[in-house]
Amino acid sequence: MGLQGLPPLEAFSYFLVLLVSVTVHEYGHALAAIFEGDLTPTKNGKFVWNPLYYLNWIGFIMFLLIGFGFLGQVRTRPELYRHGLLGEALVSSAGILMNLTLVLVATLALRLSDVHVVGNSLIGGNAPAWIVDALLTLFRLNVILAVFNLLPIPPLDGAHFLAAIIPGSMGASLRHFLPRSGYLAFFVLILLQQPVGQFLGLVLDFAYTNLLK
C-alpha cells in the first residue's frame, strides 16, 4: 500500500494520514516509557506531537513508495522501567495499541458516515467524499501498521513484546540481540514481501468485512 497510482489529492491525504499515524504510534511508545519511569523520550525531545521529531525519512519514503518501511523510532532504556519485563511488554505494545485506537476512531466515524461493505465494495457515505476517503485511509493504514508491527521479526515491536514474555535464557538472548538487529526486518521483508503482502491483504479484508459491514 503506497502512493503508486493515486490521484494527487488522495496522495496528499495518504501522506498526511501516514504522518498522523506514525506520530500517534511513536507518541504511544514514549508515553508508556515515561509511565514506566524512563524519561529518555523527554530528554531526547521524543515526547512531542511534531512528526518531524520521530520520522526515519528513508523508511518513511520507502513506505510511501512500496508500502513498507521503518517509519520512526523512540529510544528508551528498558533497565529504567519500574516494572521490568512487564514494562517492556507495555512499552513495546503501546504503539500498536495506539494504531488500534485510530482504527476504532476511523470505524466509528465511517459508521456515522453510513459507509459499509457490500460484497467486496464499500458503499454509502453521507459525508463529503474527501472526508470518507481520509477516514478509509486512516482505517487501512492503521490496520496495516498494527499488524505489521506485531510481526515477531527484530527489531519490530512484535519481537520486543516476544522478548519480554519469553522466560529464561531464550528471552534474555533475544533481548540482548534486539538492539543489534538493525535492518534485519527490512531484509527479511524483502525476501518475504509477497507472502507478507498477501497476509496483510487478508487481514485488511477481514477488518473491512467485520468492522464496516
Protein backbone atom coordinates (compact mmCIF):
# COMPACT_ATOMS: atom_id res chain seq x y z
CA MET A 1 0.00 0.00 0.00
CA GLY A 2 1.86 3.06 -1.25
CA LEU A 3 1.35 6.17 -3.34
CA GLN A 4 1.58 4.41 -6.70
CA GLY A 5 -1.30 5.32 -8.97
CA LEU A 6 -3.07 7.61 -6.51
CA PRO A 7 -4.53 10.90 -7.76
CA PRO A 8 -2.75 13.98 -6.31
CA LEU A 9 -5.44 14.79 -3.73
CA GLU A 10 -5.60 11.19 -2.49
CA ALA A 11 -1.79 11.00 -2.40
CA PHE A 12 -1.65 14.16 -0.26
CA SER A 13 -4.35 12.76 2.05
CA TYR A 14 -2.42 9.48 2.34
CA PHE A 15 0.76 11.40 3.20
CA LEU A 16 -0.96 13.42 5.95
CA VAL A 17 -2.75 10.42 7.44
CA LEU A 18 0.51 8.46 7.50
CA LEU A 19 2.23 11.33 9.31
CA VAL A 20 -0.53 11.40 11.93
CA SER A 21 -0.50 7.62 12.33
CA VAL A 22 3.27 7.41 12.78
CA THR A 23 3.27 10.29 15.27
CA VAL A 24 0.50 8.71 17.36
CA HIS A 25 2.26 5.32 17.27
CA GLU A 26 5.61 6.71 18.44
CA TYR A 27 3.96 9.01 20.99
CA GLY A 28 2.38 5.89 22.48
CA HIS A 29 5.81 4.30 22.98
CA ALA A 30 7.14 7.50 24.55
CA LEU A 31 4.14 7.87 26.86
CA ALA A 32 4.39 4.26 28.03
CA ALA A 33 8.14 4.58 28.68
CA ILE A 34 7.62 7.73 30.73
CA PHE A 35 4.83 5.98 32.66
CA GLU A 36 7.35 3.24 33.41
CA GLY A 37 9.78 5.79 34.84
CA ASP A 38 12.10 6.19 31.85
CA LEU A 39 12.38 9.89 30.98
CA THR A 40 14.67 9.25 27.98
CA PRO A 41 12.00 10.27 25.42
CA THR A 42 11.56 13.62 27.18
CA LYS A 43 15.31 14.23 27.35
CA ASN A 44 15.70 13.31 23.66
CA GLY A 45 12.83 15.53 22.54
CA LYS A 46 10.73 12.49 21.53
CA PHE A 47 7.67 13.28 23.63
CA VAL A 48 6.03 15.77 21.28
CA TRP A 49 3.28 15.81 18.66
CA ASN A 50 5.59 17.06 15.91
CA PRO A 51 6.13 14.18 13.42
CA LEU A 52 9.48 15.61 12.31
CA TYR A 53 10.98 14.52 15.64
CA TYR A 54 10.05 10.88 15.08
CA LEU A 55 10.44 10.13 11.39
CA ASN A 56 13.06 7.96 9.77
CA TRP A 57 12.86 9.74 6.42
CA ILE A 58 14.43 6.93 4.38
CA GLY A 59 11.99 4.41 5.83
CA PHE A 60 9.09 6.85 5.51
CA ILE A 61 9.77 7.40 1.79
CA MET A 62 10.07 3.62 1.34
CA PHE A 63 6.64 3.18 2.94
CA LEU A 64 5.17 5.81 0.63
CA LEU A 65 6.64 4.13 -2.44
CA ILE A 66 6.40 0.40 -1.76
CA GLY A 67 4.09 0.06 1.23
CA PHE A 68 6.55 -0.92 3.97
CA GLY A 69 9.50 0.65 5.72
CA PHE A 70 10.78 1.82 9.10
CA LEU A 71 8.77 4.90 9.89
CA GLY A 72 10.13 6.17 13.19
CA GLN A 73 11.71 5.31 16.49
CA VAL A 74 11.62 6.36 20.13
CA ARG A 75 14.73 5.30 22.03
CA THR A 76 14.16 4.15 25.58
CA ARG A 77 16.15 2.49 28.37
CA PRO A 78 14.36 -0.69 29.49
CA GLU A 79 16.64 -1.02 32.51
CA LEU A 80 14.86 2.03 33.94
CA TYR A 81 11.33 0.58 33.66
CA ARG A 82 9.81 0.27 37.11
CA HIS A 83 8.01 -2.97 36.21
CA GLY A 84 10.89 -4.71 34.45
CA LEU A 85 9.80 -7.15 31.76
CA LEU A 86 6.15 -6.21 32.24
CA GLY A 87 7.19 -2.64 31.48
CA GLU A 88 8.98 -3.82 28.33
CA ALA A 89 5.83 -5.60 27.19
CA LEU A 90 3.77 -2.46 27.86
CA VAL A 91 6.14 -0.09 26.04
CA SER A 92 6.59 -2.40 23.05
CA SER A 93 2.84 -2.85 22.60
CA ALA A 94 1.86 0.78 23.25
CA GLY A 95 2.39 1.92 19.66
CA ILE A 96 0.26 -0.92 18.31
CA LEU A 97 -2.48 -0.10 20.83
CA MET A 98 -2.43 3.49 19.59
CA ASN A 99 -2.82 2.29 15.99
CA LEU A 100 -5.76 0.11 17.04
CA THR A 101 -7.29 3.13 18.77
CA LEU A 102 -7.09 5.04 15.48
CA VAL A 103 -8.73 2.06 13.73
CA LEU A 104 -11.57 2.30 16.26
CA VAL A 105 -11.90 6.07 15.72
CA ALA A 106 -11.99 5.61 11.94
CA THR A 107 -14.51 2.76 12.26
CA LEU A 108 -16.89 4.83 14.40
CA ALA A 109 -16.57 7.83 12.09
CA LEU A 110 -17.22 5.70 8.99
CA ARG A 111 -20.25 4.10 10.63
CA LEU A 112 -21.59 7.55 11.46
CA SER A 113 -21.00 8.41 7.80
CA ASP A 114 -23.02 5.30 6.82
CA VAL A 115 -20.13 3.69 4.95
CA HIS A 116 -20.40 -0.11 4.88
CA VAL A 117 -19.30 -3.19 2.98
CA VAL A 118 -21.44 -4.94 0.38
CA GLY A 119 -19.63 -7.87 -1.20
CA ASN A 120 -16.15 -6.58 -1.99
CA SER A 121 -17.18 -2.93 -2.28
CA LEU A 122 -17.52 -0.05 0.16
CA ILE A 123 -20.71 1.92 -0.46
CA GLY A 124 -22.71 4.69 1.13
CA GLY A 125 -21.42 7.76 2.89
CA ASN A 126 -23.27 10.90 3.85
CA ALA A 127 -20.10 12.92 4.46
CA PRO A 128 -18.06 14.72 1.77
CA ALA A 129 -16.09 12.30 -0.38
CA TRP A 130 -12.70 13.66 0.72
CA ILE A 131 -13.56 13.05 4.39
CA VAL A 132 -14.70 9.49 3.67
CA ASP A 133 -11.52 8.85 1.67
CA ALA A 134 -9.35 10.21 4.51
CA LEU A 135 -11.18 8.05 7.07
CA LEU A 136 -10.80 4.96 4.88
CA THR A 137 -7.09 5.71 4.56
CA LEU A 138 -6.85 6.13 8.35
CA PHE A 139 -8.64 2.79 8.79
CA ARG A 140 -6.50 0.90 6.25
CA LEU A 141 -3.15 2.35 7.28
CA ASN A 142 -3.61 1.70 10.97
CA VAL A 143 -4.82 -1.86 10.46
CA ILE A 144 -1.68 -2.45 8.40
CA LEU A 145 0.64 -0.64 10.84
CA ALA A 146 -0.77 -2.55 13.82
CA VAL A 147 -0.48 -5.97 12.18
CA PHE A 148 2.87 -5.19 10.54
CA ASN A 149 4.39 -4.14 13.86
CA LEU A 150 3.05 -7.30 15.51
CA LEU A 151 5.26 -9.46 13.31
CA PRO A 152 7.88 -11.15 15.55
CA ILE A 153 10.79 -10.01 13.37
CA PRO A 154 13.55 -7.96 15.03
CA PRO A 155 13.53 -5.03 15.53
CA LEU A 156 9.73 -4.71 15.09
CA ASP A 157 7.51 -4.21 18.14
CA GLY A 158 6.30 -7.81 17.99
CA ALA A 159 9.84 -9.06 18.56
CA HIS A 160 10.27 -6.72 21.55
CA PHE A 161 6.99 -7.94 23.04
CA LEU A 162 8.01 -11.56 22.46
CA ALA A 163 11.37 -10.95 24.15
CA ALA A 164 9.58 -9.52 27.18
CA ILE A 165 7.30 -12.51 27.68
CA ILE A 166 9.65 -15.40 26.82
CA PRO A 167 11.12 -16.67 30.09
CA GLY A 168 14.66 -17.72 30.87
CA SER A 169 17.78 -17.59 28.74
CA MET A 170 15.91 -17.60 25.43
CA GLY A 171 14.14 -14.34 26.28
CA ALA A 172 17.36 -12.85 27.63
CA SER A 173 19.23 -13.76 24.43
CA LEU A 174 16.55 -12.16 22.27
CA ARG A 175 16.57 -9.00 24.41
CA HIS A 176 20.36 -8.88 24.05
CA PHE A 177 20.10 -9.27 20.26
CA LEU A 178 17.32 -6.73 19.61
CA PRO A 179 19.44 -3.54 19.92
CA ARG A 180 21.86 -5.08 17.42
CA SER A 181 19.25 -6.29 14.93
CA GLY A 182 19.43 -3.10 12.84
CA TYR A 183 17.70 -3.52 9.50
CA LEU A 184 17.19 -7.28 9.79
CA ALA A 185 13.42 -6.90 9.35
CA PHE A 186 13.98 -4.90 6.17
CA PHE A 187 15.99 -7.69 4.54
CA VAL A 188 13.61 -10.38 5.80
CA LEU A 189 10.61 -8.48 4.42
CA ILE A 190 12.29 -8.02 1.05
CA LEU A 191 12.63 -11.81 0.85
CA LEU A 192 9.08 -12.38 2.13
CA GLN A 193 7.43 -9.37 0.52
CA GLN A 194 4.82 -11.37 -1.40
CA PRO A 195 3.56 -13.63 1.44
CA VAL A 196 3.64 -10.77 3.94
CA GLY A 197 1.72 -8.56 1.49
CA GLN A 198 -0.85 -11.31 0.95
CA PHE A 199 -1.20 -11.80 4.71
CA LEU A 200 -1.74 -8.07 5.30
CA GLY A 201 -4.30 -8.04 2.49
CA LEU A 202 -6.23 -10.89 4.11
CA VAL A 203 -6.18 -9.10 7.47
CA LEU A 204 -7.39 -5.89 5.84
CA ASP A 205 -10.24 -7.74 4.07
CA PHE A 206 -11.20 -9.32 7.40
CA ALA A 207 -11.20 -5.91 9.08
CA TYR A 208 -13.37 -4.44 6.31
CA THR A 209 -15.99 -7.14 6.43
CA ASN A 210 -16.16 -7.38 10.23
CA LEU A 211 -15.86 -3.73 11.24
CA LEU A 212 -17.56 -1.86 8.39
CA LYS A 213 -20.34 -4.22 7.32
